[in-house]
Each structure stands twice: as C-alpha cells, then as structure tokens.
Amino acid sequence: MKKTTLILSICTVLFLALTSAALQTEEICDAKGLKNKTKEKLDPYKYDSGKLTKVTYKVKAQNKETEVPVFIGEKYRMVFNTEALTKNVVISVYSKDKETKDRKALWTSKDQPAGTKVFYFEPAKRAMKYFVDYEIPAVSDSAFINKQECVVFMLGYK
C-alpha cells in the first residue's frame, strides 16, 4: 500500500512539473499563433522547418546561434517573426558558425526599416548550412532582467 502511494505521489509531482513547464512556454508568447502567422508568410514557399527560440534578457548582452541545414539545389526563404519581442534583438544569417574566422554575414535585420516585426531572407548563394545568430541586448531595467520572450523562425523551399 505504501509503495503505491509513493509511486502515485511521484507521478503527481512529475505531472505537475511538466504541466508547469508547458504553461510557462505558453506564457512567454503565443507560440501557436506566432507560428501560424509566420507560416503564412512563407507563401509561395513550402514549409520545411521552424524553431521557436526563447530569449531571456540579462544584464550582459548575449548571442544565441542556430544551425540551419539545407539541401543544395533548392531555393529557400527564411522568415523571422519578432512580434513577441519588446527589445531590439538583432538577427543575422552567416555562412559559417561563430567559431569560424572567415565566416561571412549574408543578411541582418539591422538593415531593415525600423518597426519591422517580420523579416524575410532569401539566400542567393546555395549552401549546405546557414547559421542564424540572435544578438540579445543587455538590459539594466530590473523589470526586464530574466524576462523571457520568443522569436519564431521558419524555413520554406521551392
């Protein structure tokens, strides 16, 4: 009897922990809504893949990098939806990872008009991989320290 109660207690704690983690992700941003809006922006490209990146503001600036594998011979469109961000996170696409000295910047959101929340990049050069960097600014306002938000990235092909 005690063993059953212990197992039931452990299962309940695990269930609550997983449910809490899922709810926290939804509180950060409307992931489903953002993904649907972003997917619409792929047209006339076909959906290939997508990623929701969590952004947590800190006192120090940060850089997150995501590798995007692609097939040579296909034409691609990258769409970035930053509607859920309150700070100016700069997004850049590179030819190689951040550890490589001879990497080239292919595109950056810095060059886009102010106030733009959805960005498009259609690589001219065919590659096997692209690297997406998110430059997360430092914050000093205590209301933003450790605040979590998100950005949605989607890849489409023709």
C-alpha atoms as a PDB file:
ATOM      1  CA  MET A   1       0.000   0.000   0.000  1.00  0.00           C
ATOM      2  CA  LYS A   2       2.802   2.429   0.893  1.00  0.00           C
ATOM      3  CA  LYS A   3       4.610   1.637  -2.366  1.00  0.00           C
ATOM      4  CA  THR A   4       1.513   2.514  -4.404  1.00  0.00           C
ATOM      5  CA  THR A   5       1.092   5.806  -2.541  1.00  0.00           C
ATOM      6  CA  LEU A   6       4.764   6.682  -3.126  1.00  0.00           C
ATOM      7  CA  ILE A   7       4.522   5.899  -6.859  1.00  0.00           C
ATOM      8  CA  LEU A   8       1.303   7.911  -7.140  1.00  0.00           C
ATOM      9  CA  SER A   9       2.932  10.865  -5.337  1.00  0.00           C
ATOM     10  CA  ILE A  10       5.970  10.758  -7.651  1.00  0.00           C
ATOM     11  CA  CYS A  11       3.738  10.604 -10.740  1.00  0.00           C
ATOM     12  CA  THR A  12       1.689  13.550  -9.488  1.00  0.00           C
ATOM     13  CA  VAL A  13       4.806  15.662  -8.877  1.00  0.00           C
ATOM     14  CA  LEU A  14       6.178  14.799 -12.346  1.00  0.00           C
ATOM     15  CA  PHE A  15       2.843  15.619 -13.973  1.00  0.00           C
ATOM     16  CA  LEU A  16       2.659  18.995 -12.208  1.00  0.00           C
ATOM     17  CA  ALA A  17       6.261  19.825 -13.159  1.00  0.00           C
ATOM     18  CA  LEU A  18       5.669  19.008 -16.830  1.00  0.00           C
ATOM     19  CA  THR A  19       2.376  20.895 -16.903  1.00  0.00           C
ATOM     20  CA  SER A  20       4.021  23.919 -15.283  1.00  0.00           C
ATOM     21  CA  ALA A  21       6.839  23.889 -17.867  1.00  0.00           C
ATOM     22  CA  ALA A  22       4.321  23.715 -20.714  1.00  0.00           C
ATOM     23  CA  LEU A  23       2.291  26.600 -19.273  1.00  0.00           C
ATOM     24  CA  GLN A  24       5.422  28.723 -18.811  1.00  0.00           C
ATOM     25  CA  THR A  25       6.268  28.286 -22.505  1.00  0.00           C
ATOM     26  CA  GLU A  26       2.776  29.461 -23.456  1.00  0.00           C
ATOM     27  CA  GLU A  27       3.034  32.429 -21.068  1.00  0.00           C
ATOM     28  CA  ILE A  28       6.250  33.599 -22.747  1.00  0.00           C
ATOM     29  CA  CYS A  29       4.434  34.080 -26.023  1.00  0.00           C
ATOM     30  CA  ASP A  30       1.526  32.776 -28.042  1.00  0.00           C
ATOM     31  CA  ALA A  31       3.697  30.153 -29.753  1.00  0.00           C
ATOM     32  CA  LYS A  32       0.906  28.616 -31.812  1.00  0.00           C
ATOM     33  CA  GLY A  33      -0.413  31.982 -33.007  1.00  0.00           C
ATOM     34  CA  LEU A  34       3.063  33.241 -33.901  1.00  0.00           C
ATOM     35  CA  LYS A  35       3.870  30.017 -35.750  1.00  0.00           C
ATOM     36  CA  ASN A  36       0.637  30.243 -37.760  1.00  0.00           C
ATOM     37  CA  LYS A  37       1.293  33.895 -38.713  1.00  0.00           C
ATOM     38  CA  THR A  38       4.874  33.092 -39.668  1.00  0.00           C
ATOM     39  CA  LYS A  39       3.882  30.074 -41.743  1.00  0.00           C
ATOM     40  CA  GLU A  40       1.505  32.276 -43.766  1.00  0.00           C
ATOM     41  CA  LYS A  41       4.486  34.478 -44.693  1.00  0.00           C
ATOM     42  CA  LEU A  42       6.277  31.552 -46.364  1.00  0.00           C
ATOM     43  CA  ASP A  43       3.866  31.589 -49.317  1.00  0.00           C
ATOM     44  CA  PRO A  44       4.611  30.664 -52.153  1.00  0.00           C
ATOM     45  CA  TYR A  45       7.339  28.544 -50.499  1.00  0.00           C
ATOM     46  CA  LYS A  46       6.535  25.198 -48.893  1.00  0.00           C
ATOM     47  CA  TYR A  47       7.116  24.785 -45.163  1.00  0.00           C
ATOM     48  CA  ASP A  48      10.334  22.911 -44.375  1.00  0.00           C
ATOM     49  CA  SER A  49      11.060  23.543 -40.711  1.00  0.00           C
ATOM     50  CA  GLY A  50      10.649  26.003 -37.886  1.00  0.00           C
ATOM     51  CA  LYS A  51      12.013  26.876 -34.483  1.00  0.00           C
ATOM     52  CA  LEU A  52      10.787  28.871 -31.505  1.00  0.00           C
ATOM     53  CA  THR A  53      13.760  30.485 -29.756  1.00  0.00           C
ATOM     54  CA  LYS A  54      13.353  31.684 -26.184  1.00  0.00           C
ATOM     55  CA  VAL A  55      15.044  34.969 -25.370  1.00  0.00           C
ATOM     56  CA  THR A  56      15.895  35.753 -21.750  1.00  0.00           C
ATOM     57  CA  TYR A  57      17.196  39.254 -21.077  1.00  0.00           C
ATOM     58  CA  LYS A  58      20.215  39.604 -18.799  1.00  0.00           C
ATOM     59  CA  VAL A  59      22.477  42.376 -17.531  1.00  0.00           C
ATOM     60  CA  LYS A  60      25.082  41.213 -20.092  1.00  0.00           C
ATOM     61  CA  ALA A  61      24.477  41.068 -23.850  1.00  0.00           C
ATOM     62  CA  GLN A  62      24.170  37.544 -25.235  1.00  0.00           C
ATOM     63  CA  ASN A  63      24.420  35.767 -28.556  1.00  0.00           C
ATOM     64  CA  LYS A  64      22.453  32.617 -29.463  1.00  0.00           C
ATOM     65  CA  GLU A  65      23.252  30.704 -32.622  1.00  0.00           C
ATOM     66  CA  THR A  66      21.151  28.150 -34.507  1.00  0.00           C
ATOM     67  CA  GLU A  67      22.396  25.944 -37.319  1.00  0.00           C
ATOM     68  CA  VAL A  68      20.061  25.588 -40.313  1.00  0.00           C
ATOM     69  CA  PRO A  69      20.864  22.619 -42.579  1.00  0.00           C
ATOM     70  CA  VAL A  70      19.548  22.873 -46.151  1.00  0.00           C
ATOM     71  CA  PHE A  71      19.747  20.924 -49.415  1.00  0.00           C
ATOM     72  CA  ILE A  72      21.866  22.238 -52.269  1.00  0.00           C
ATOM     73  CA  GLY A  73      19.787  22.968 -55.352  1.00  0.00           C
ATOM     74  CA  GLU A  74      16.686  24.231 -53.555  1.00  0.00           C
ATOM     75  CA  LYS A  75      15.644  27.861 -53.262  1.00  0.00           C
ATOM     76  CA  TYR A  76      14.853  28.927 -49.683  1.00  0.00           C
ATOM     77  CA  ARG A  77      13.035  31.661 -47.794  1.00  0.00           C
ATOM     78  CA  MET A  78      13.735  32.344 -44.131  1.00  0.00           C
ATOM     79  CA  VAL A  79      11.059  34.172 -42.150  1.00  0.00           C
ATOM     80  CA  PHE A  80      11.657  35.629 -38.681  1.00  0.00           C
ATOM     81  CA  ASN A  81       8.711  36.801 -36.582  1.00  0.00           C
ATOM     82  CA  THR A  82       9.707  39.111 -33.716  1.00  0.00           C
ATOM     83  CA  GLU A  83       6.216  40.320 -32.728  1.00  0.00           C
ATOM     84  CA  ALA A  84       6.640  38.864 -29.221  1.00  0.00           C
ATOM     85  CA  LEU A  85       9.887  40.767 -28.535  1.00  0.00           C
ATOM     86  CA  THR A  86       9.851  44.094 -26.698  1.00  0.00           C
ATOM     87  CA  LYS A  87      13.586  44.740 -27.101  1.00  0.00           C
ATOM     88  CA  ASN A  88      15.557  45.075 -30.336  1.00  0.00           C
ATOM     89  CA  VAL A  89      17.097  41.627 -30.853  1.00  0.00           C
ATOM     90  CA  VAL A  90      19.318  41.746 -33.943  1.00  0.00           C
ATOM     91  CA  ILE A  91      19.051  38.711 -36.204  1.00  0.00           C
ATOM     92  CA  SER A  92      21.871  37.863 -38.622  1.00  0.00           C
ATOM     93  CA  VAL A  93      22.461  34.991 -41.040  1.00  0.00           C
ATOM     94  CA  TYR A  94      26.021  33.792 -41.640  1.00  0.00           C
ATOM     95  CA  SER A  95      27.783  31.367 -43.964  1.00  0.00           C
ATOM     96  CA  LYS A  96      29.650  29.633 -41.123  1.00  0.00           C
ATOM     97  CA  ASP A  97      29.402  29.249 -37.346  1.00  0.00           C
ATOM     98  CA  LYS A  98      30.646  31.859 -34.875  1.00  0.00           C
ATOM     99  CA  GLU A  99      33.812  29.886 -34.120  1.00  0.00           C
ATOM    100  CA  THR A 100      34.991  30.171 -37.753  1.00  0.00           C
ATOM    101  CA  LYS A 101      37.174  33.183 -38.568  1.00  0.00           C
ATOM    102  CA  ASP A 102      36.312  33.516 -42.264  1.00  0.00           C
ATOM    103  CA  ARG A 103      32.541  33.456 -41.952  1.00  0.00           C
ATOM    104  CA  LYS A 104      30.569  35.956 -43.990  1.00  0.00           C
ATOM    105  CA  ALA A 105      27.462  37.886 -42.990  1.00  0.00           C
ATOM    106  CA  LEU A 106      24.735  37.153 -45.566  1.00  0.00           C
ATOM    107  CA  TRP A 107      21.881  39.184 -44.068  1.00  0.00           C
ATOM    108  CA  THR A 108      20.992  41.159 -40.934  1.00  0.00           C
ATOM    109  CA  SER A 109      17.836  42.685 -39.518  1.00  0.00           C
ATOM    110  CA  LYS A 110      19.849  45.882 -38.812  1.00  0.00           C
ATOM    111  CA  ASP A 111      19.373  46.803 -42.473  1.00  0.00           C
ATOM    112  CA  GLN A 112      15.570  46.566 -42.279  1.00  0.00           C
ATOM    113  CA  PRO A 113      13.196  49.515 -41.694  1.00  0.00           C
ATOM    114  CA  ALA A 114      12.591  50.470 -38.058  1.00  0.00           C
ATOM    115  CA  GLY A 115       9.442  48.967 -36.582  1.00  0.00           C
ATOM    116  CA  THR A 116       9.546  45.867 -38.797  1.00  0.00           C
ATOM    117  CA  LYS A 117       8.429  42.769 -36.878  1.00  0.00           C
ATOM    118  CA  VAL A 118       8.511  40.126 -39.635  1.00  0.00           C
ATOM    119  CA  PHE A 119      11.726  39.720 -41.628  1.00  0.00           C
ATOM    120  CA  TYR A 120      12.425  37.791 -44.834  1.00  0.00           C
ATOM    121  CA  PHE A 121      15.691  36.496 -46.232  1.00  0.00           C
ATOM    122  CA  GLU A 122      16.027  34.533 -49.456  1.00  0.00           C
ATOM    123  CA  PRO A 123      19.626  33.349 -49.798  1.00  0.00           C
ATOM    124  CA  ALA A 124      21.073  33.828 -53.285  1.00  0.00           C
ATOM    125  CA  LYS A 125      24.019  31.560 -52.607  1.00  0.00           C
ATOM    126  CA  ARG A 126      23.342  27.846 -52.305  1.00  0.00           C
ATOM    127  CA  ALA A 127      24.928  26.358 -49.204  1.00  0.00           C
ATOM    128  CA  MET A 128      24.676  23.228 -47.098  1.00  0.00           C
ATOM    129  CA  LYS A 129      24.180  25.150 -43.859  1.00  0.00           C
ATOM    130  CA  TYR A 130      23.342  28.603 -42.651  1.00  0.00           C
ATOM    131  CA  PHE A 131      23.878  29.964 -39.161  1.00  0.00           C
ATOM    132  CA  VAL A 132      21.316  32.267 -37.568  1.00  0.00           C
ATOM    133  CA  ASP A 133      22.568  34.477 -34.751  1.00  0.00           C
ATOM    134  CA  TYR A 134      20.346  36.312 -32.285  1.00  0.00           C
ATOM    135  CA  GLU A 135      22.107  39.259 -30.594  1.00  0.00           C
ATOM    136  CA  ILE A 136      20.198  39.800 -27.370  1.00  0.00           C
ATOM    137  CA  PRO A 137      20.859  43.251 -25.866  1.00  0.00           C
ATOM    138  CA  ALA A 138      21.896  43.843 -22.271  1.00  0.00           C
ATOM    139  CA  VAL A 139      19.214  45.360 -20.054  1.00  0.00           C
ATOM    140  CA  SER A 140      19.558  47.453 -16.922  1.00  0.00           C
ATOM    141  CA  ASP A 141      15.862  47.885 -16.096  1.00  0.00           C
ATOM    142  CA  SER A 142      15.030  45.358 -13.362  1.00  0.00           C
ATOM    143  CA  ALA A 143      11.608  44.797 -14.952  1.00  0.00           C
ATOM    144  CA  PHE A 144      13.346  43.185 -17.939  1.00  0.00           C
ATOM    145  CA  ILE A 145      16.111  41.221 -16.204  1.00  0.00           C
ATOM    146  CA  ASN A 146      15.309  37.494 -16.603  1.00  0.00           C
ATOM    147  CA  LYS A 147      12.163  38.328 -18.591  1.00  0.00           C
ATOM    148  CA  GLN A 148      11.516  35.658 -21.228  1.00  0.00           C
ATOM    149  CA  GLU A 149      10.154  36.330 -24.704  1.00  0.00           C
ATOM    150  CA  CYS A 150      10.435  34.498 -28.004  1.00  0.00           C
ATOM    151  CA  VAL A 151      11.133  34.763 -31.705  1.00  0.00           C
ATOM    152  CA  VAL A 152       9.843  32.370 -34.380  1.00  0.00           C
ATOM    153  CA  PHE A 153      11.967  31.250 -37.325  1.00  0.00           C
ATOM    154  CA  MET A 154      10.601  29.304 -40.304  1.00  0.00           C
ATOM    155  CA  LEU A 155      12.247  27.921 -43.398  1.00  0.00           C
ATOM    156  CA  GLY A 156      10.460  27.308 -46.683  1.00  0.00           C
ATOM    157  CA  TYR A 157      11.657  25.909 -50.017  1.00  0.00           C
ATOM    158  CA  LYS A 158      10.660  25.901 -53.704  1.00  0.00           C
END
